[in-house]
Amino acid sequence: MITFPCCKINLGLDIVSKRPDGYHNLETLFYPIPLEDALEITINPKSDAPDYTFTMHNAAFDGDDSDNLVVKAYKILAADYKLPKVTMSLYKNIPTGAGLGGGSSDAAFALKMLNEIGKLGLSDEQLEEYAARIGADCAFFIKCRPAYATGIGNILTPVECSLKGYHLVLVKPHLHISTKEAYSLVVPAQPVVPLMDTIQRPINMWVSSMKNDFERSAFAKYPQMETIKSELYRLGALYASMSGSGSSFYGIFEKPQDEKELEKLFPHCFRWQCEL
């Protein structure tokens, strides 16, 4: 069985308060985009096989395979249910360290596949509970529908928000921003205009009130990131922003952009575009 985990962008990201447990409360809107990894999980019929094997392609994982979120998805279900022995193979297309939730998506899609392969009969709501134990934004990828996220990103409310017909350009420089570092540099504050009010406005008005609170500290440390955002606006983006805690940027356009121009403006960067 093979599936294709998607990723997400953040439409606005406000860090509103610091919690007693050291985490931060935030407000953001997760929006799925069709940049996808490929995840294959098959039953291993050999009786002497290990409970699972895992391989990843087209990316390097900094750590032991047991720390990969796909493996964690297997283990979290195996702790409560009898799962068959499986072979898991992940091919990465979604860039890592980009604020796109690729790892969380891989884990959520693994939960869904294992639920089907193991005939566990878990509902989406039950799968979301398991996903939330893996990562703050992991539960979003069980349903992959636009959602307003609060808490640490784990409290999801479905939202009627559509970017259908618009074109998305995604740019990621070869920079990795530590999530821990990103949070340490942010001063929490309530947004002047509530995010859900901004979302109701036309896209070309978002720039006046929608922001990503991680951008200020990221731009101070990596000025080239601010340049990427400025270039997206110069190309005619209706709205442009960093996604999550970075380091990828997206621009929302009314029409597709010339690939040669993107290559010229963003050399040595990961570049991708699609119609939403």
C-alpha atoms as a PDB file:
ATOM      1  CA  MET A   1       0.000   0.000   0.000  1.00  0.00           C
ATOM      2  CA  ILE A   2       1.303   3.432  -0.925  1.00  0.00           C
ATOM      3  CA  THR A   3       0.094   6.892   0.028  1.00  0.00           C
ATOM      4  CA  PHE A   4       1.265  10.445  -0.554  1.00  0.00           C
ATOM      5  CA  PRO A   5       1.562  12.656   2.553  1.00  0.00           C
ATOM      6  CA  CYS A   6       0.955  16.306   1.718  1.00  0.00           C
ATOM      7  CA  CYS A   7       2.244  19.326   3.609  1.00  0.00           C
ATOM      8  CA  LYS A   8       0.856  22.647   4.833  1.00  0.00           C
ATOM      9  CA  ILE A   9       1.477  26.356   4.935  1.00  0.00           C
ATOM     10  CA  ASN A  10       0.567  28.684   7.774  1.00  0.00           C
ATOM     11  CA  LEU A  11      -1.772  31.534   6.953  1.00  0.00           C
ATOM     12  CA  GLY A  12      -0.761  33.874   9.738  1.00  0.00           C
ATOM     13  CA  LEU A  13       1.007  32.749  12.896  1.00  0.00           C
ATOM     14  CA  ASP A  14       0.568  34.692  16.129  1.00  0.00           C
ATOM     15  CA  ILE A  15       2.412  33.661  19.296  1.00  0.00           C
ATOM     16  CA  VAL A  16      -0.077  34.915  21.884  1.00  0.00           C
ATOM     17  CA  SER A  17       1.278  33.749  25.266  1.00  0.00           C
ATOM     18  CA  LYS A  18       3.809  31.568  27.057  1.00  0.00           C
ATOM     19  CA  ARG A  19       2.422  28.638  28.995  1.00  0.00           C
ATOM     20  CA  PRO A  20       3.433  27.464  32.486  1.00  0.00           C
ATOM     21  CA  ASP A  21       4.758  24.241  30.897  1.00  0.00           C
ATOM     22  CA  GLY A  22       7.260  26.226  28.820  1.00  0.00           C
ATOM     23  CA  TYR A  23       5.372  25.867  25.544  1.00  0.00           C
ATOM     24  CA  HIS A  24       3.610  28.723  23.758  1.00  0.00           C
ATOM     25  CA  ASN A  25      -0.012  29.270  22.827  1.00  0.00           C
ATOM     26  CA  LEU A  26      -0.444  30.261  19.227  1.00  0.00           C
ATOM     27  CA  GLU A  27      -3.082  31.060  16.643  1.00  0.00           C
ATOM     28  CA  THR A  28      -2.657  30.075  13.015  1.00  0.00           C
ATOM     29  CA  LEU A  29      -4.519  28.645  10.066  1.00  0.00           C
ATOM     30  CA  PHE A  30      -3.148  25.425   8.600  1.00  0.00           C
ATOM     31  CA  TYR A  31      -3.786  25.126   4.872  1.00  0.00           C
ATOM     32  CA  PRO A  32      -2.882  21.912   2.980  1.00  0.00           C
ATOM     33  CA  ILE A  33      -0.846  22.095  -0.220  1.00  0.00           C
ATOM     34  CA  PRO A  34      -0.176  19.261  -2.697  1.00  0.00           C
ATOM     35  CA  LEU A  35       3.600  18.992  -2.345  1.00  0.00           C
ATOM     36  CA  GLU A  36       3.889  15.343  -1.344  1.00  0.00           C
ATOM     37  CA  ASP A  37       6.171  12.646   0.000  1.00  0.00           C
ATOM     38  CA  ALA A  38       5.583   8.978  -0.888  1.00  0.00           C
ATOM     39  CA  LEU A  39       5.087   6.440   1.881  1.00  0.00           C
ATOM     40  CA  GLU A  40       4.806   2.714   1.246  1.00  0.00           C
ATOM     41  CA  ILE A  41       3.870   0.210   3.947  1.00  0.00           C
ATOM     42  CA  THR A  42       3.555  -3.493   3.184  1.00  0.00           C
ATOM     43  CA  ILE A  43       3.019  -6.545   5.363  1.00  0.00           C
ATOM     44  CA  ASN A  44       6.140  -8.662   5.798  1.00  0.00           C
ATOM     45  CA  PRO A  45       5.024 -12.322   5.687  1.00  0.00           C
ATOM     46  CA  LYS A  46       8.263 -13.739   7.127  1.00  0.00           C
ATOM     47  CA  SER A  47       7.671 -15.144  10.588  1.00  0.00           C
ATOM     48  CA  ASP A  48      11.209 -14.348  11.712  1.00  0.00           C
ATOM     49  CA  ALA A  49      11.088 -10.756  10.457  1.00  0.00           C
ATOM     50  CA  PRO A  50      11.353  -7.856  12.935  1.00  0.00           C
ATOM     51  CA  ASP A  51       8.151  -6.050  13.879  1.00  0.00           C
ATOM     52  CA  TYR A  52       9.042  -3.320  11.409  1.00  0.00           C
ATOM     53  CA  THR A  53      11.770  -2.129   9.089  1.00  0.00           C
ATOM     54  CA  PHE A  54      12.084   1.470   7.951  1.00  0.00           C
ATOM     55  CA  THR A  55      14.089   3.109   5.189  1.00  0.00           C
ATOM     56  CA  MET A  56      14.094   6.708   3.992  1.00  0.00           C
ATOM     57  CA  HIS A  57      15.197   7.927   0.570  1.00  0.00           C
ATOM     58  CA  ASN A  58      16.148  11.300  -0.921  1.00  0.00           C
ATOM     59  CA  ALA A  59      16.934  12.842   2.459  1.00  0.00           C
ATOM     60  CA  ALA A  60      19.243  12.312   5.396  1.00  0.00           C
ATOM     61  CA  PHE A  61      17.787  11.780   8.853  1.00  0.00           C
ATOM     62  CA  ASP A  62      19.799  13.291  11.689  1.00  0.00           C
ATOM     63  CA  GLY A  63      19.434  10.603  14.297  1.00  0.00           C
ATOM     64  CA  ASP A  64      18.479   6.979  14.772  1.00  0.00           C
ATOM     65  CA  ASP A  65      15.659   5.611  12.616  1.00  0.00           C
ATOM     66  CA  SER A  66      13.712   4.893  15.789  1.00  0.00           C
ATOM     67  CA  ASP A  67      13.363   8.664  16.256  1.00  0.00           C
ATOM     68  CA  ASN A  68      11.684   9.137  12.866  1.00  0.00           C
ATOM     69  CA  LEU A  69       8.042  10.124  13.244  1.00  0.00           C
ATOM     70  CA  VAL A  70       6.876   7.318  10.932  1.00  0.00           C
ATOM     71  CA  VAL A  71       8.480   4.804  13.273  1.00  0.00           C
ATOM     72  CA  LYS A  72       6.956   6.603  16.257  1.00  0.00           C
ATOM     73  CA  ALA A  73       3.545   6.275  14.584  1.00  0.00           C
ATOM     74  CA  TYR A  74       4.054   2.523  14.332  1.00  0.00           C
ATOM     75  CA  LYS A  75       5.182   2.221  17.942  1.00  0.00           C
ATOM     76  CA  ILE A  76       2.372   4.324  19.369  1.00  0.00           C
ATOM     77  CA  LEU A  77      -0.235   2.062  17.753  1.00  0.00           C
ATOM     78  CA  ALA A  78       1.687  -1.134  18.469  1.00  0.00           C
ATOM     79  CA  ALA A  79       1.594  -0.265  22.174  1.00  0.00           C
ATOM     80  CA  ASP A  80      -2.206  -0.616  22.137  1.00  0.00           C
ATOM     81  CA  TYR A  81      -2.935  -2.981  19.246  1.00  0.00           C
ATOM     82  CA  LYS A  82      -1.518  -6.096  17.627  1.00  0.00           C
ATOM     83  CA  LEU A  83      -0.042  -4.932  14.336  1.00  0.00           C
ATOM     84  CA  PRO A  84       1.291  -7.144  11.540  1.00  0.00           C
ATOM     85  CA  LYS A  85       5.012  -7.107  10.771  1.00  0.00           C
ATOM     86  CA  VAL A  86       5.577  -4.371   8.200  1.00  0.00           C
ATOM     87  CA  THR A  87       8.148  -2.916   5.851  1.00  0.00           C
ATOM     88  CA  MET A  88       7.989   0.888   5.692  1.00  0.00           C
ATOM     89  CA  SER A  89       9.691   2.990   3.014  1.00  0.00           C
ATOM     90  CA  LEU A  90       9.551   6.783   2.829  1.00  0.00           C
ATOM     91  CA  TYR A  91      10.605   8.873  -0.185  1.00  0.00           C
ATOM     92  CA  LYS A  92      11.031  12.545   0.709  1.00  0.00           C
ATOM     93  CA  ASN A  93      10.000  15.325  -1.631  1.00  0.00           C
ATOM     94  CA  ILE A  94       8.911  17.815   1.049  1.00  0.00           C
ATOM     95  CA  PRO A  95      12.009  19.706   2.246  1.00  0.00           C
ATOM     96  CA  THR A  96      12.906  19.248   5.890  1.00  0.00           C
ATOM     97  CA  GLY A  97      13.327  22.095   8.370  1.00  0.00           C
ATOM     98  CA  ALA A  98      11.017  24.199   6.240  1.00  0.00           C
ATOM     99  CA  GLY A  99       8.013  24.868   8.472  1.00  0.00           C
ATOM    100  CA  LEU A 100       5.826  22.772   6.158  1.00  0.00           C
ATOM    101  CA  GLY A 101       5.012  19.939   8.556  1.00  0.00           C
ATOM    102  CA  GLY A 102       6.398  17.215   6.311  1.00  0.00           C
ATOM    103  CA  GLY A 103       7.485  14.935   9.143  1.00  0.00           C
ATOM    104  CA  SER A 104       4.188  15.351  10.960  1.00  0.00           C
ATOM    105  CA  SER A 105       2.313  14.553   7.766  1.00  0.00           C
ATOM    106  CA  ASP A 106       4.371  11.388   7.198  1.00  0.00           C
ATOM    107  CA  ALA A 107       3.469  10.232  10.717  1.00  0.00           C
ATOM    108  CA  ALA A 108      -0.239  11.014  10.337  1.00  0.00           C
ATOM    109  CA  PHE A 109      -0.455   9.197   7.018  1.00  0.00           C
ATOM    110  CA  ALA A 110       1.406   6.249   8.555  1.00  0.00           C
ATOM    111  CA  LEU A 111      -1.232   6.099  11.304  1.00  0.00           C
ATOM    112  CA  LYS A 112      -3.984   6.046   8.687  1.00  0.00           C
ATOM    113  CA  MET A 113      -2.274   3.322   6.656  1.00  0.00           C
ATOM    114  CA  LEU A 114      -1.532   1.145   9.687  1.00  0.00           C
ATOM    115  CA  ASN A 115      -5.130   1.541  10.805  1.00  0.00           C
ATOM    116  CA  GLU A 116      -6.233   0.155   7.447  1.00  0.00           C
ATOM    117  CA  ILE A 117      -3.555  -2.527   7.124  1.00  0.00           C
ATOM    118  CA  GLY A 118      -4.106  -3.731  10.694  1.00  0.00           C
ATOM    119  CA  LYS A 119      -7.906  -3.500  10.352  1.00  0.00           C
ATOM    120  CA  LEU A 120      -8.052  -1.577  13.622  1.00  0.00           C
ATOM    121  CA  GLY A 121     -11.251   0.310  12.810  1.00  0.00           C
ATOM    122  CA  LEU A 122     -10.102   3.545  14.432  1.00  0.00           C
ATOM    123  CA  SER A 123     -12.118   6.683  13.653  1.00  0.00           C
ATOM    124  CA  ASP A 124     -10.534   9.920  12.440  1.00  0.00           C
ATOM    125  CA  GLU A 125     -11.088  11.365  15.896  1.00  0.00           C
ATOM    126  CA  GLN A 126      -9.224   8.470  17.519  1.00  0.00           C
ATOM    127  CA  LEU A 127      -6.412   8.790  14.988  1.00  0.00           C
ATOM    128  CA  GLU A 128      -6.185  12.507  15.759  1.00  0.00           C
ATOM    129  CA  GLU A 129      -5.689  11.676  19.429  1.00  0.00           C
ATOM    130  CA  TYR A 130      -2.781   9.382  18.591  1.00  0.00           C
ATOM    131  CA  ALA A 131      -1.357  11.947  16.162  1.00  0.00           C
ATOM    132  CA  ALA A 132      -1.451  14.712  18.774  1.00  0.00           C
ATOM    133  CA  ARG A 133       0.791  12.563  20.975  1.00  0.00           C
ATOM    134  CA  ILE A 134       3.413  12.511  18.204  1.00  0.00           C
ATOM    135  CA  GLY A 135       3.558  16.232  17.378  1.00  0.00           C
ATOM    136  CA  ALA A 136       1.607  19.449  17.862  1.00  0.00           C
ATOM    137  CA  ASP A 137       0.570  19.816  14.203  1.00  0.00           C
ATOM    138  CA  CYS A 138       0.382  16.096  13.430  1.00  0.00           C
ATOM    139  CA  ALA A 139      -3.370  15.787  14.057  1.00  0.00           C
ATOM    140  CA  PHE A 140      -4.099  18.282  11.264  1.00  0.00           C
ATOM    141  CA  PHE A 141      -2.909  15.803   8.645  1.00  0.00           C
ATOM    142  CA  ILE A 142      -5.449  13.128   9.551  1.00  0.00           C
ATOM    143  CA  LYS A 143      -8.152  15.055   7.666  1.00  0.00           C
ATOM    144  CA  CYS A 144      -5.982  17.559   5.735  1.00  0.00           C
ATOM    145  CA  ARG A 145      -8.620  20.281   5.635  1.00  0.00           C
ATOM    146  CA  PRO A 146      -8.114  23.990   6.375  1.00  0.00           C
ATOM    147  CA  ALA A 147      -8.202  24.423  10.136  1.00  0.00           C
ATOM    148  CA  TYR A 148      -7.800  27.183  12.693  1.00  0.00           C
ATOM    149  CA  ALA A 149      -5.227  25.952  15.208  1.00  0.00           C
ATOM    150  CA  THR A 150      -4.873  27.149  18.779  1.00  0.00           C
ATOM    151  CA  GLY A 151      -3.188  25.842  21.921  1.00  0.00           C
ATOM    152  CA  ILE A 152       0.258  24.629  20.853  1.00  0.00           C
ATOM    153  CA  GLY A 153      -1.194  23.938  17.416  1.00  0.00           C
ATOM    154  CA  ASN A 154      -3.104  20.865  18.554  1.00  0.00           C
ATOM    155  CA  ILE A 155      -6.616  22.304  19.008  1.00  0.00           C
ATOM    156  CA  LEU A 156      -8.191  22.327  15.552  1.00  0.00           C
ATOM    157  CA  THR A 157     -11.370  24.017  14.347  1.00  0.00           C
ATOM    158  CA  PRO A 158     -12.481  23.430  10.715  1.00  0.00           C
ATOM    159  CA  VAL A 159     -12.544  26.639   8.671  1.00  0.00           C
ATOM    160  CA  GLU A 160     -14.209  27.538   5.379  1.00  0.00           C
ATOM    161  CA  CYS A 161     -11.189  28.924   3.552  1.00  0.00           C
ATOM    162  CA  SER A 162     -10.389  28.248  -0.087  1.00  0.00           C
ATOM    163  CA  LEU A 163      -7.472  29.371  -2.227  1.00  0.00           C
ATOM    164  CA  LYS A 164      -8.757  27.389  -5.200  1.00  0.00           C
ATOM    165  CA  GLY A 165      -7.659  28.900  -8.506  1.00  0.00           C
ATOM    166  CA  TYR A 166      -4.737  30.829  -7.049  1.00  0.00           C
ATOM    167  CA  HIS A 167      -1.124  29.877  -7.737  1.00  0.00           C
ATOM    168  CA  LEU A 168       1.389  29.145  -5.011  1.00  0.00           C
ATOM    169  CA  VAL A 169       5.147  29.635  -5.259  1.00  0.00           C
ATOM    170  CA  LEU A 170       7.258  28.015  -2.557  1.00  0.00           C
ATOM    171  CA  VAL A 171      10.901  28.956  -1.949  1.00  0.00           C
ATOM    172  CA  LYS A 172      13.209  27.441   0.655  1.00  0.00           C
ATOM    173  CA  PRO A 173      16.823  28.579   1.078  1.00  0.00           C
ATOM    174  CA  HIS A 174      19.458  26.175   2.391  1.00  0.00           C
ATOM    175  CA  LEU A 175      18.936  27.292   5.972  1.00  0.00           C
ATOM    176  CA  HIS A 176      17.718  25.328   8.963  1.00  0.00           C
ATOM    177  CA  ILE A 177      16.076  27.241  11.788  1.00  0.00           C
ATOM    178  CA  SER A 178      15.791  25.512  15.147  1.00  0.00           C
ATOM    179  CA  THR A 179      12.195  25.605  16.369  1.00  0.00           C
ATOM    180  CA  LYS A 180      13.452  25.974  19.941  1.00  0.00           C
ATOM    181  CA  GLU A 181      15.608  28.936  18.941  1.00  0.00           C
ATOM    182  CA  ALA A 182      12.771  30.513  16.949  1.00  0.00           C
ATOM    183  CA  TYR A 183      10.426  30.432  19.947  1.00  0.00           C
ATOM    184  CA  SER A 184      13.114  31.770  22.299  1.00  0.00           C
ATOM    185  CA  LEU A 185      13.392  34.971  20.249  1.00  0.00           C
ATOM    186  CA  VAL A 186       9.667  35.756  20.045  1.00  0.00           C
ATOM    187  CA  VAL A 187       7.879  38.122  22.438  1.00  0.00           C
ATOM    188  CA  PRO A 188       4.288  36.802  22.815  1.00  0.00           C
ATOM    189  CA  ALA A 189       1.464  39.288  22.234  1.00  0.00           C
ATOM    190  CA  GLN A 190      -2.172  39.284  21.206  1.00  0.00           C
ATOM    191  CA  PRO A 191      -2.628  40.300  17.528  1.00  0.00           C
ATOM    192  CA  VAL A 192      -4.115  43.733  16.885  1.00  0.00           C
ATOM    193  CA  VAL A 193      -6.561  42.214  14.390  1.00  0.00           C
ATOM    194  CA  PRO A 194      -7.818  38.684  15.180  1.00  0.00           C
ATOM    195  CA  LEU A 195      -6.565  36.201  12.606  1.00  0.00           C
ATOM    196  CA  MET A 196     -10.033  34.879  11.828  1.00  0.00           C
ATOM    197  CA  ASP A 197     -11.177  38.421  11.013  1.00  0.00           C
ATOM    198  CA  THR A 198      -8.273  38.874   8.601  1.00  0.00           C
ATOM    199  CA  ILE A 199      -8.985  35.586   6.824  1.00  0.00           C
ATOM    200  CA  GLN A 200     -12.432  36.884   5.844  1.00  0.00           C
ATOM    201  CA  ARG A 201     -10.893  39.813   3.954  1.00  0.00           C
ATOM    202  CA  PRO A 202      -9.745  39.709   0.292  1.00  0.00           C
ATOM    203  CA  ILE A 203      -6.256  38.196  -0.056  1.00  0.00           C
ATOM    204  CA  ASN A 204      -4.683  41.441  -1.233  1.00  0.00           C
ATOM    205  CA  MET A 205      -5.682  42.986   2.128  1.00  0.00           C
ATOM    206  CA  TRP A 206      -4.016  40.316   4.251  1.00  0.00           C
ATOM    207  CA  VAL A 207      -0.641  42.050   4.156  1.00  0.00           C
ATOM    208  CA  SER A 208      -1.923  44.905   6.344  1.00  0.00           C
ATOM    209  CA  SER A 209      -2.862  42.709   9.309  1.00  0.00           C
ATOM    210  CA  MET A 210      -1.719  39.099   8.845  1.00  0.00           C
ATOM    211  CA  LYS A 211       1.809  38.237   9.965  1.00  0.00           C
ATOM    212  CA  ASN A 212       4.089  35.438  11.065  1.00  0.00           C
ATOM    213  CA  ASP A 213       5.620  36.326  14.424  1.00  0.00           C
ATOM    214  CA  PHE A 214       8.732  34.276  13.688  1.00  0.00           C
ATOM    215  CA  GLU A 215       9.752  36.501  10.787  1.00  0.00           C
ATOM    216  CA  ARG A 216      11.196  39.393  12.783  1.00  0.00           C
ATOM    217  CA  SER A 217      13.848  37.347  14.591  1.00  0.00           C
ATOM    218  CA  ALA A 218      14.526  35.222  11.496  1.00  0.00           C
ATOM    219  CA  PHE A 219      15.127  38.313   9.347  1.00  0.00           C
ATOM    220  CA  ALA A 220      17.462  39.806  11.956  1.00  0.00           C
ATOM    221  CA  LYS A 221      19.644  36.703  11.891  1.00  0.00           C
ATOM    222  CA  TYR A 222      19.269  35.801   8.203  1.00  0.00           C
ATOM    223  CA  PRO A 223      18.741  38.977   6.106  1.00  0.00           C
ATOM    224  CA  GLN A 224      18.543  36.867   2.925  1.00  0.00           C
ATOM    225  CA  MET A 225      15.217  35.519   4.139  1.00  0.00           C
ATOM    226  CA  GLU A 226      13.677  38.987   4.118  1.00  0.00           C
ATOM    227  CA  THR A 227      15.002  39.391   0.582  1.00  0.00           C
ATOM    228  CA  ILE A 228      13.112  36.274  -0.533  1.00  0.00           C
ATOM    229  CA  LYS A 229       9.856  37.666   0.823  1.00  0.00           C
ATOM    230  CA  SER A 230      10.479  41.053  -0.836  1.00  0.00           C
ATOM    231  CA  GLU A 231      11.173  39.392  -4.187  1.00  0.00           C
ATOM    232  CA  LEU A 232       7.920  37.418  -3.998  1.00  0.00           C
ATOM    233  CA  TYR A 233       6.041  40.683  -3.553  1.00  0.00           C
ATOM    234  CA  ARG A 234       8.036  42.289  -6.361  1.00  0.00           C
ATOM    235  CA  LEU A 235       6.907  39.446  -8.624  1.00  0.00           C
ATOM    236  CA  GLY A 236       3.305  40.363  -7.836  1.00  0.00           C
ATOM    237  CA  ALA A 237       2.335  38.153  -4.925  1.00  0.00           C
ATOM    238  CA  LEU A 238      -0.997  39.084  -3.373  1.00  0.00           C
ATOM    239  CA  TYR A 239       0.357  37.787  -0.086  1.00  0.00           C
ATOM    240  CA  ALA A 240       3.725  36.330   0.951  1.00  0.00           C
ATOM    241  CA  SER A 241       4.920  34.890   4.221  1.00  0.00           C
ATOM    242  CA  MET A 242       7.265  32.514   5.972  1.00  0.00           C
ATOM    243  CA  SER A 243       5.587  29.220   6.834  1.00  0.00           C
ATOM    244  CA  GLY A 244       5.690  27.995  10.420  1.00  0.00           C
ATOM    245  CA  SER A 245       9.009  28.683  12.115  1.00  0.00           C
ATOM    246  CA  GLY A 246      10.727  28.592   8.698  1.00  0.00           C
ATOM    247  CA  SER A 247      12.709  28.576   6.633  1.00  0.00           C
ATOM    248  CA  SER A 248      10.400  28.266   3.600  1.00  0.00           C
ATOM    249  CA  PHE A 249       8.456  31.160   2.103  1.00  0.00           C
ATOM    250  CA  TYR A 250       5.353  31.122  -0.053  1.00  0.00           C
ATOM    251  CA  GLY A 251       3.713  33.636  -2.315  1.00  0.00           C
ATOM    252  CA  ILE A 252       0.081  33.529  -3.449  1.00  0.00           C
ATOM    253  CA  PHE A 253      -0.355  34.731  -7.040  1.00  0.00           C
ATOM    254  CA  GLU A 254      -3.186  35.175  -9.500  1.00  0.00           C
ATOM    255  CA  LYS A 255      -1.203  33.432 -12.257  1.00  0.00           C
ATOM    256  CA  PRO A 256       1.746  31.041 -12.588  1.00  0.00           C
ATOM    257  CA  GLN A 257       5.266  32.447 -12.516  1.00  0.00           C
ATOM    258  CA  ASP A 258       8.004  31.994 -15.089  1.00  0.00           C
ATOM    259  CA  GLU A 259      10.293  29.170 -13.981  1.00  0.00           C
ATOM    260  CA  LYS A 260      13.413  30.795 -15.447  1.00  0.00           C
ATOM    261  CA  GLU A 261      12.700  33.999 -13.558  1.00  0.00           C
ATOM    262  CA  LEU A 262      12.267  32.046 -10.315  1.00  0.00           C
ATOM    263  CA  GLU A 263      15.563  30.260 -10.921  1.00  0.00           C
ATOM    264  CA  LYS A 264      17.268  33.588 -11.536  1.00  0.00           C
ATOM    265  CA  LEU A 265      15.837  35.231  -8.430  1.00  0.00           C
ATOM    266  CA  PHE A 266      16.213  32.267  -6.081  1.00  0.00           C
ATOM    267  CA  PRO A 267      19.369  30.379  -7.096  1.00  0.00           C
ATOM    268  CA  HIS A 268      20.453  27.475  -4.919  1.00  0.00           C
ATOM    269  CA  CYS A 269      16.994  27.387  -3.311  1.00  0.00           C
ATOM    270  CA  PHE A 270      14.332  24.705  -3.345  1.00  0.00           C
ATOM    271  CA  ARG A 271      11.587  26.034  -5.641  1.00  0.00           C
ATOM    272  CA  TRP A 272       8.123  24.658  -6.338  1.00  0.00           C
ATOM    273  CA  GLN A 273       4.846  26.030  -7.639  1.00  0.00           C
ATOM    274  CA  CYS A 274       1.339  24.763  -8.279  1.00  0.00           C
ATOM    275  CA  GLU A 275      -2.238  25.813  -8.845  1.00  0.00           C
ATOM    276  CA  LEU A 276      -4.228  25.423  -5.647  1.00  0.00           C
END
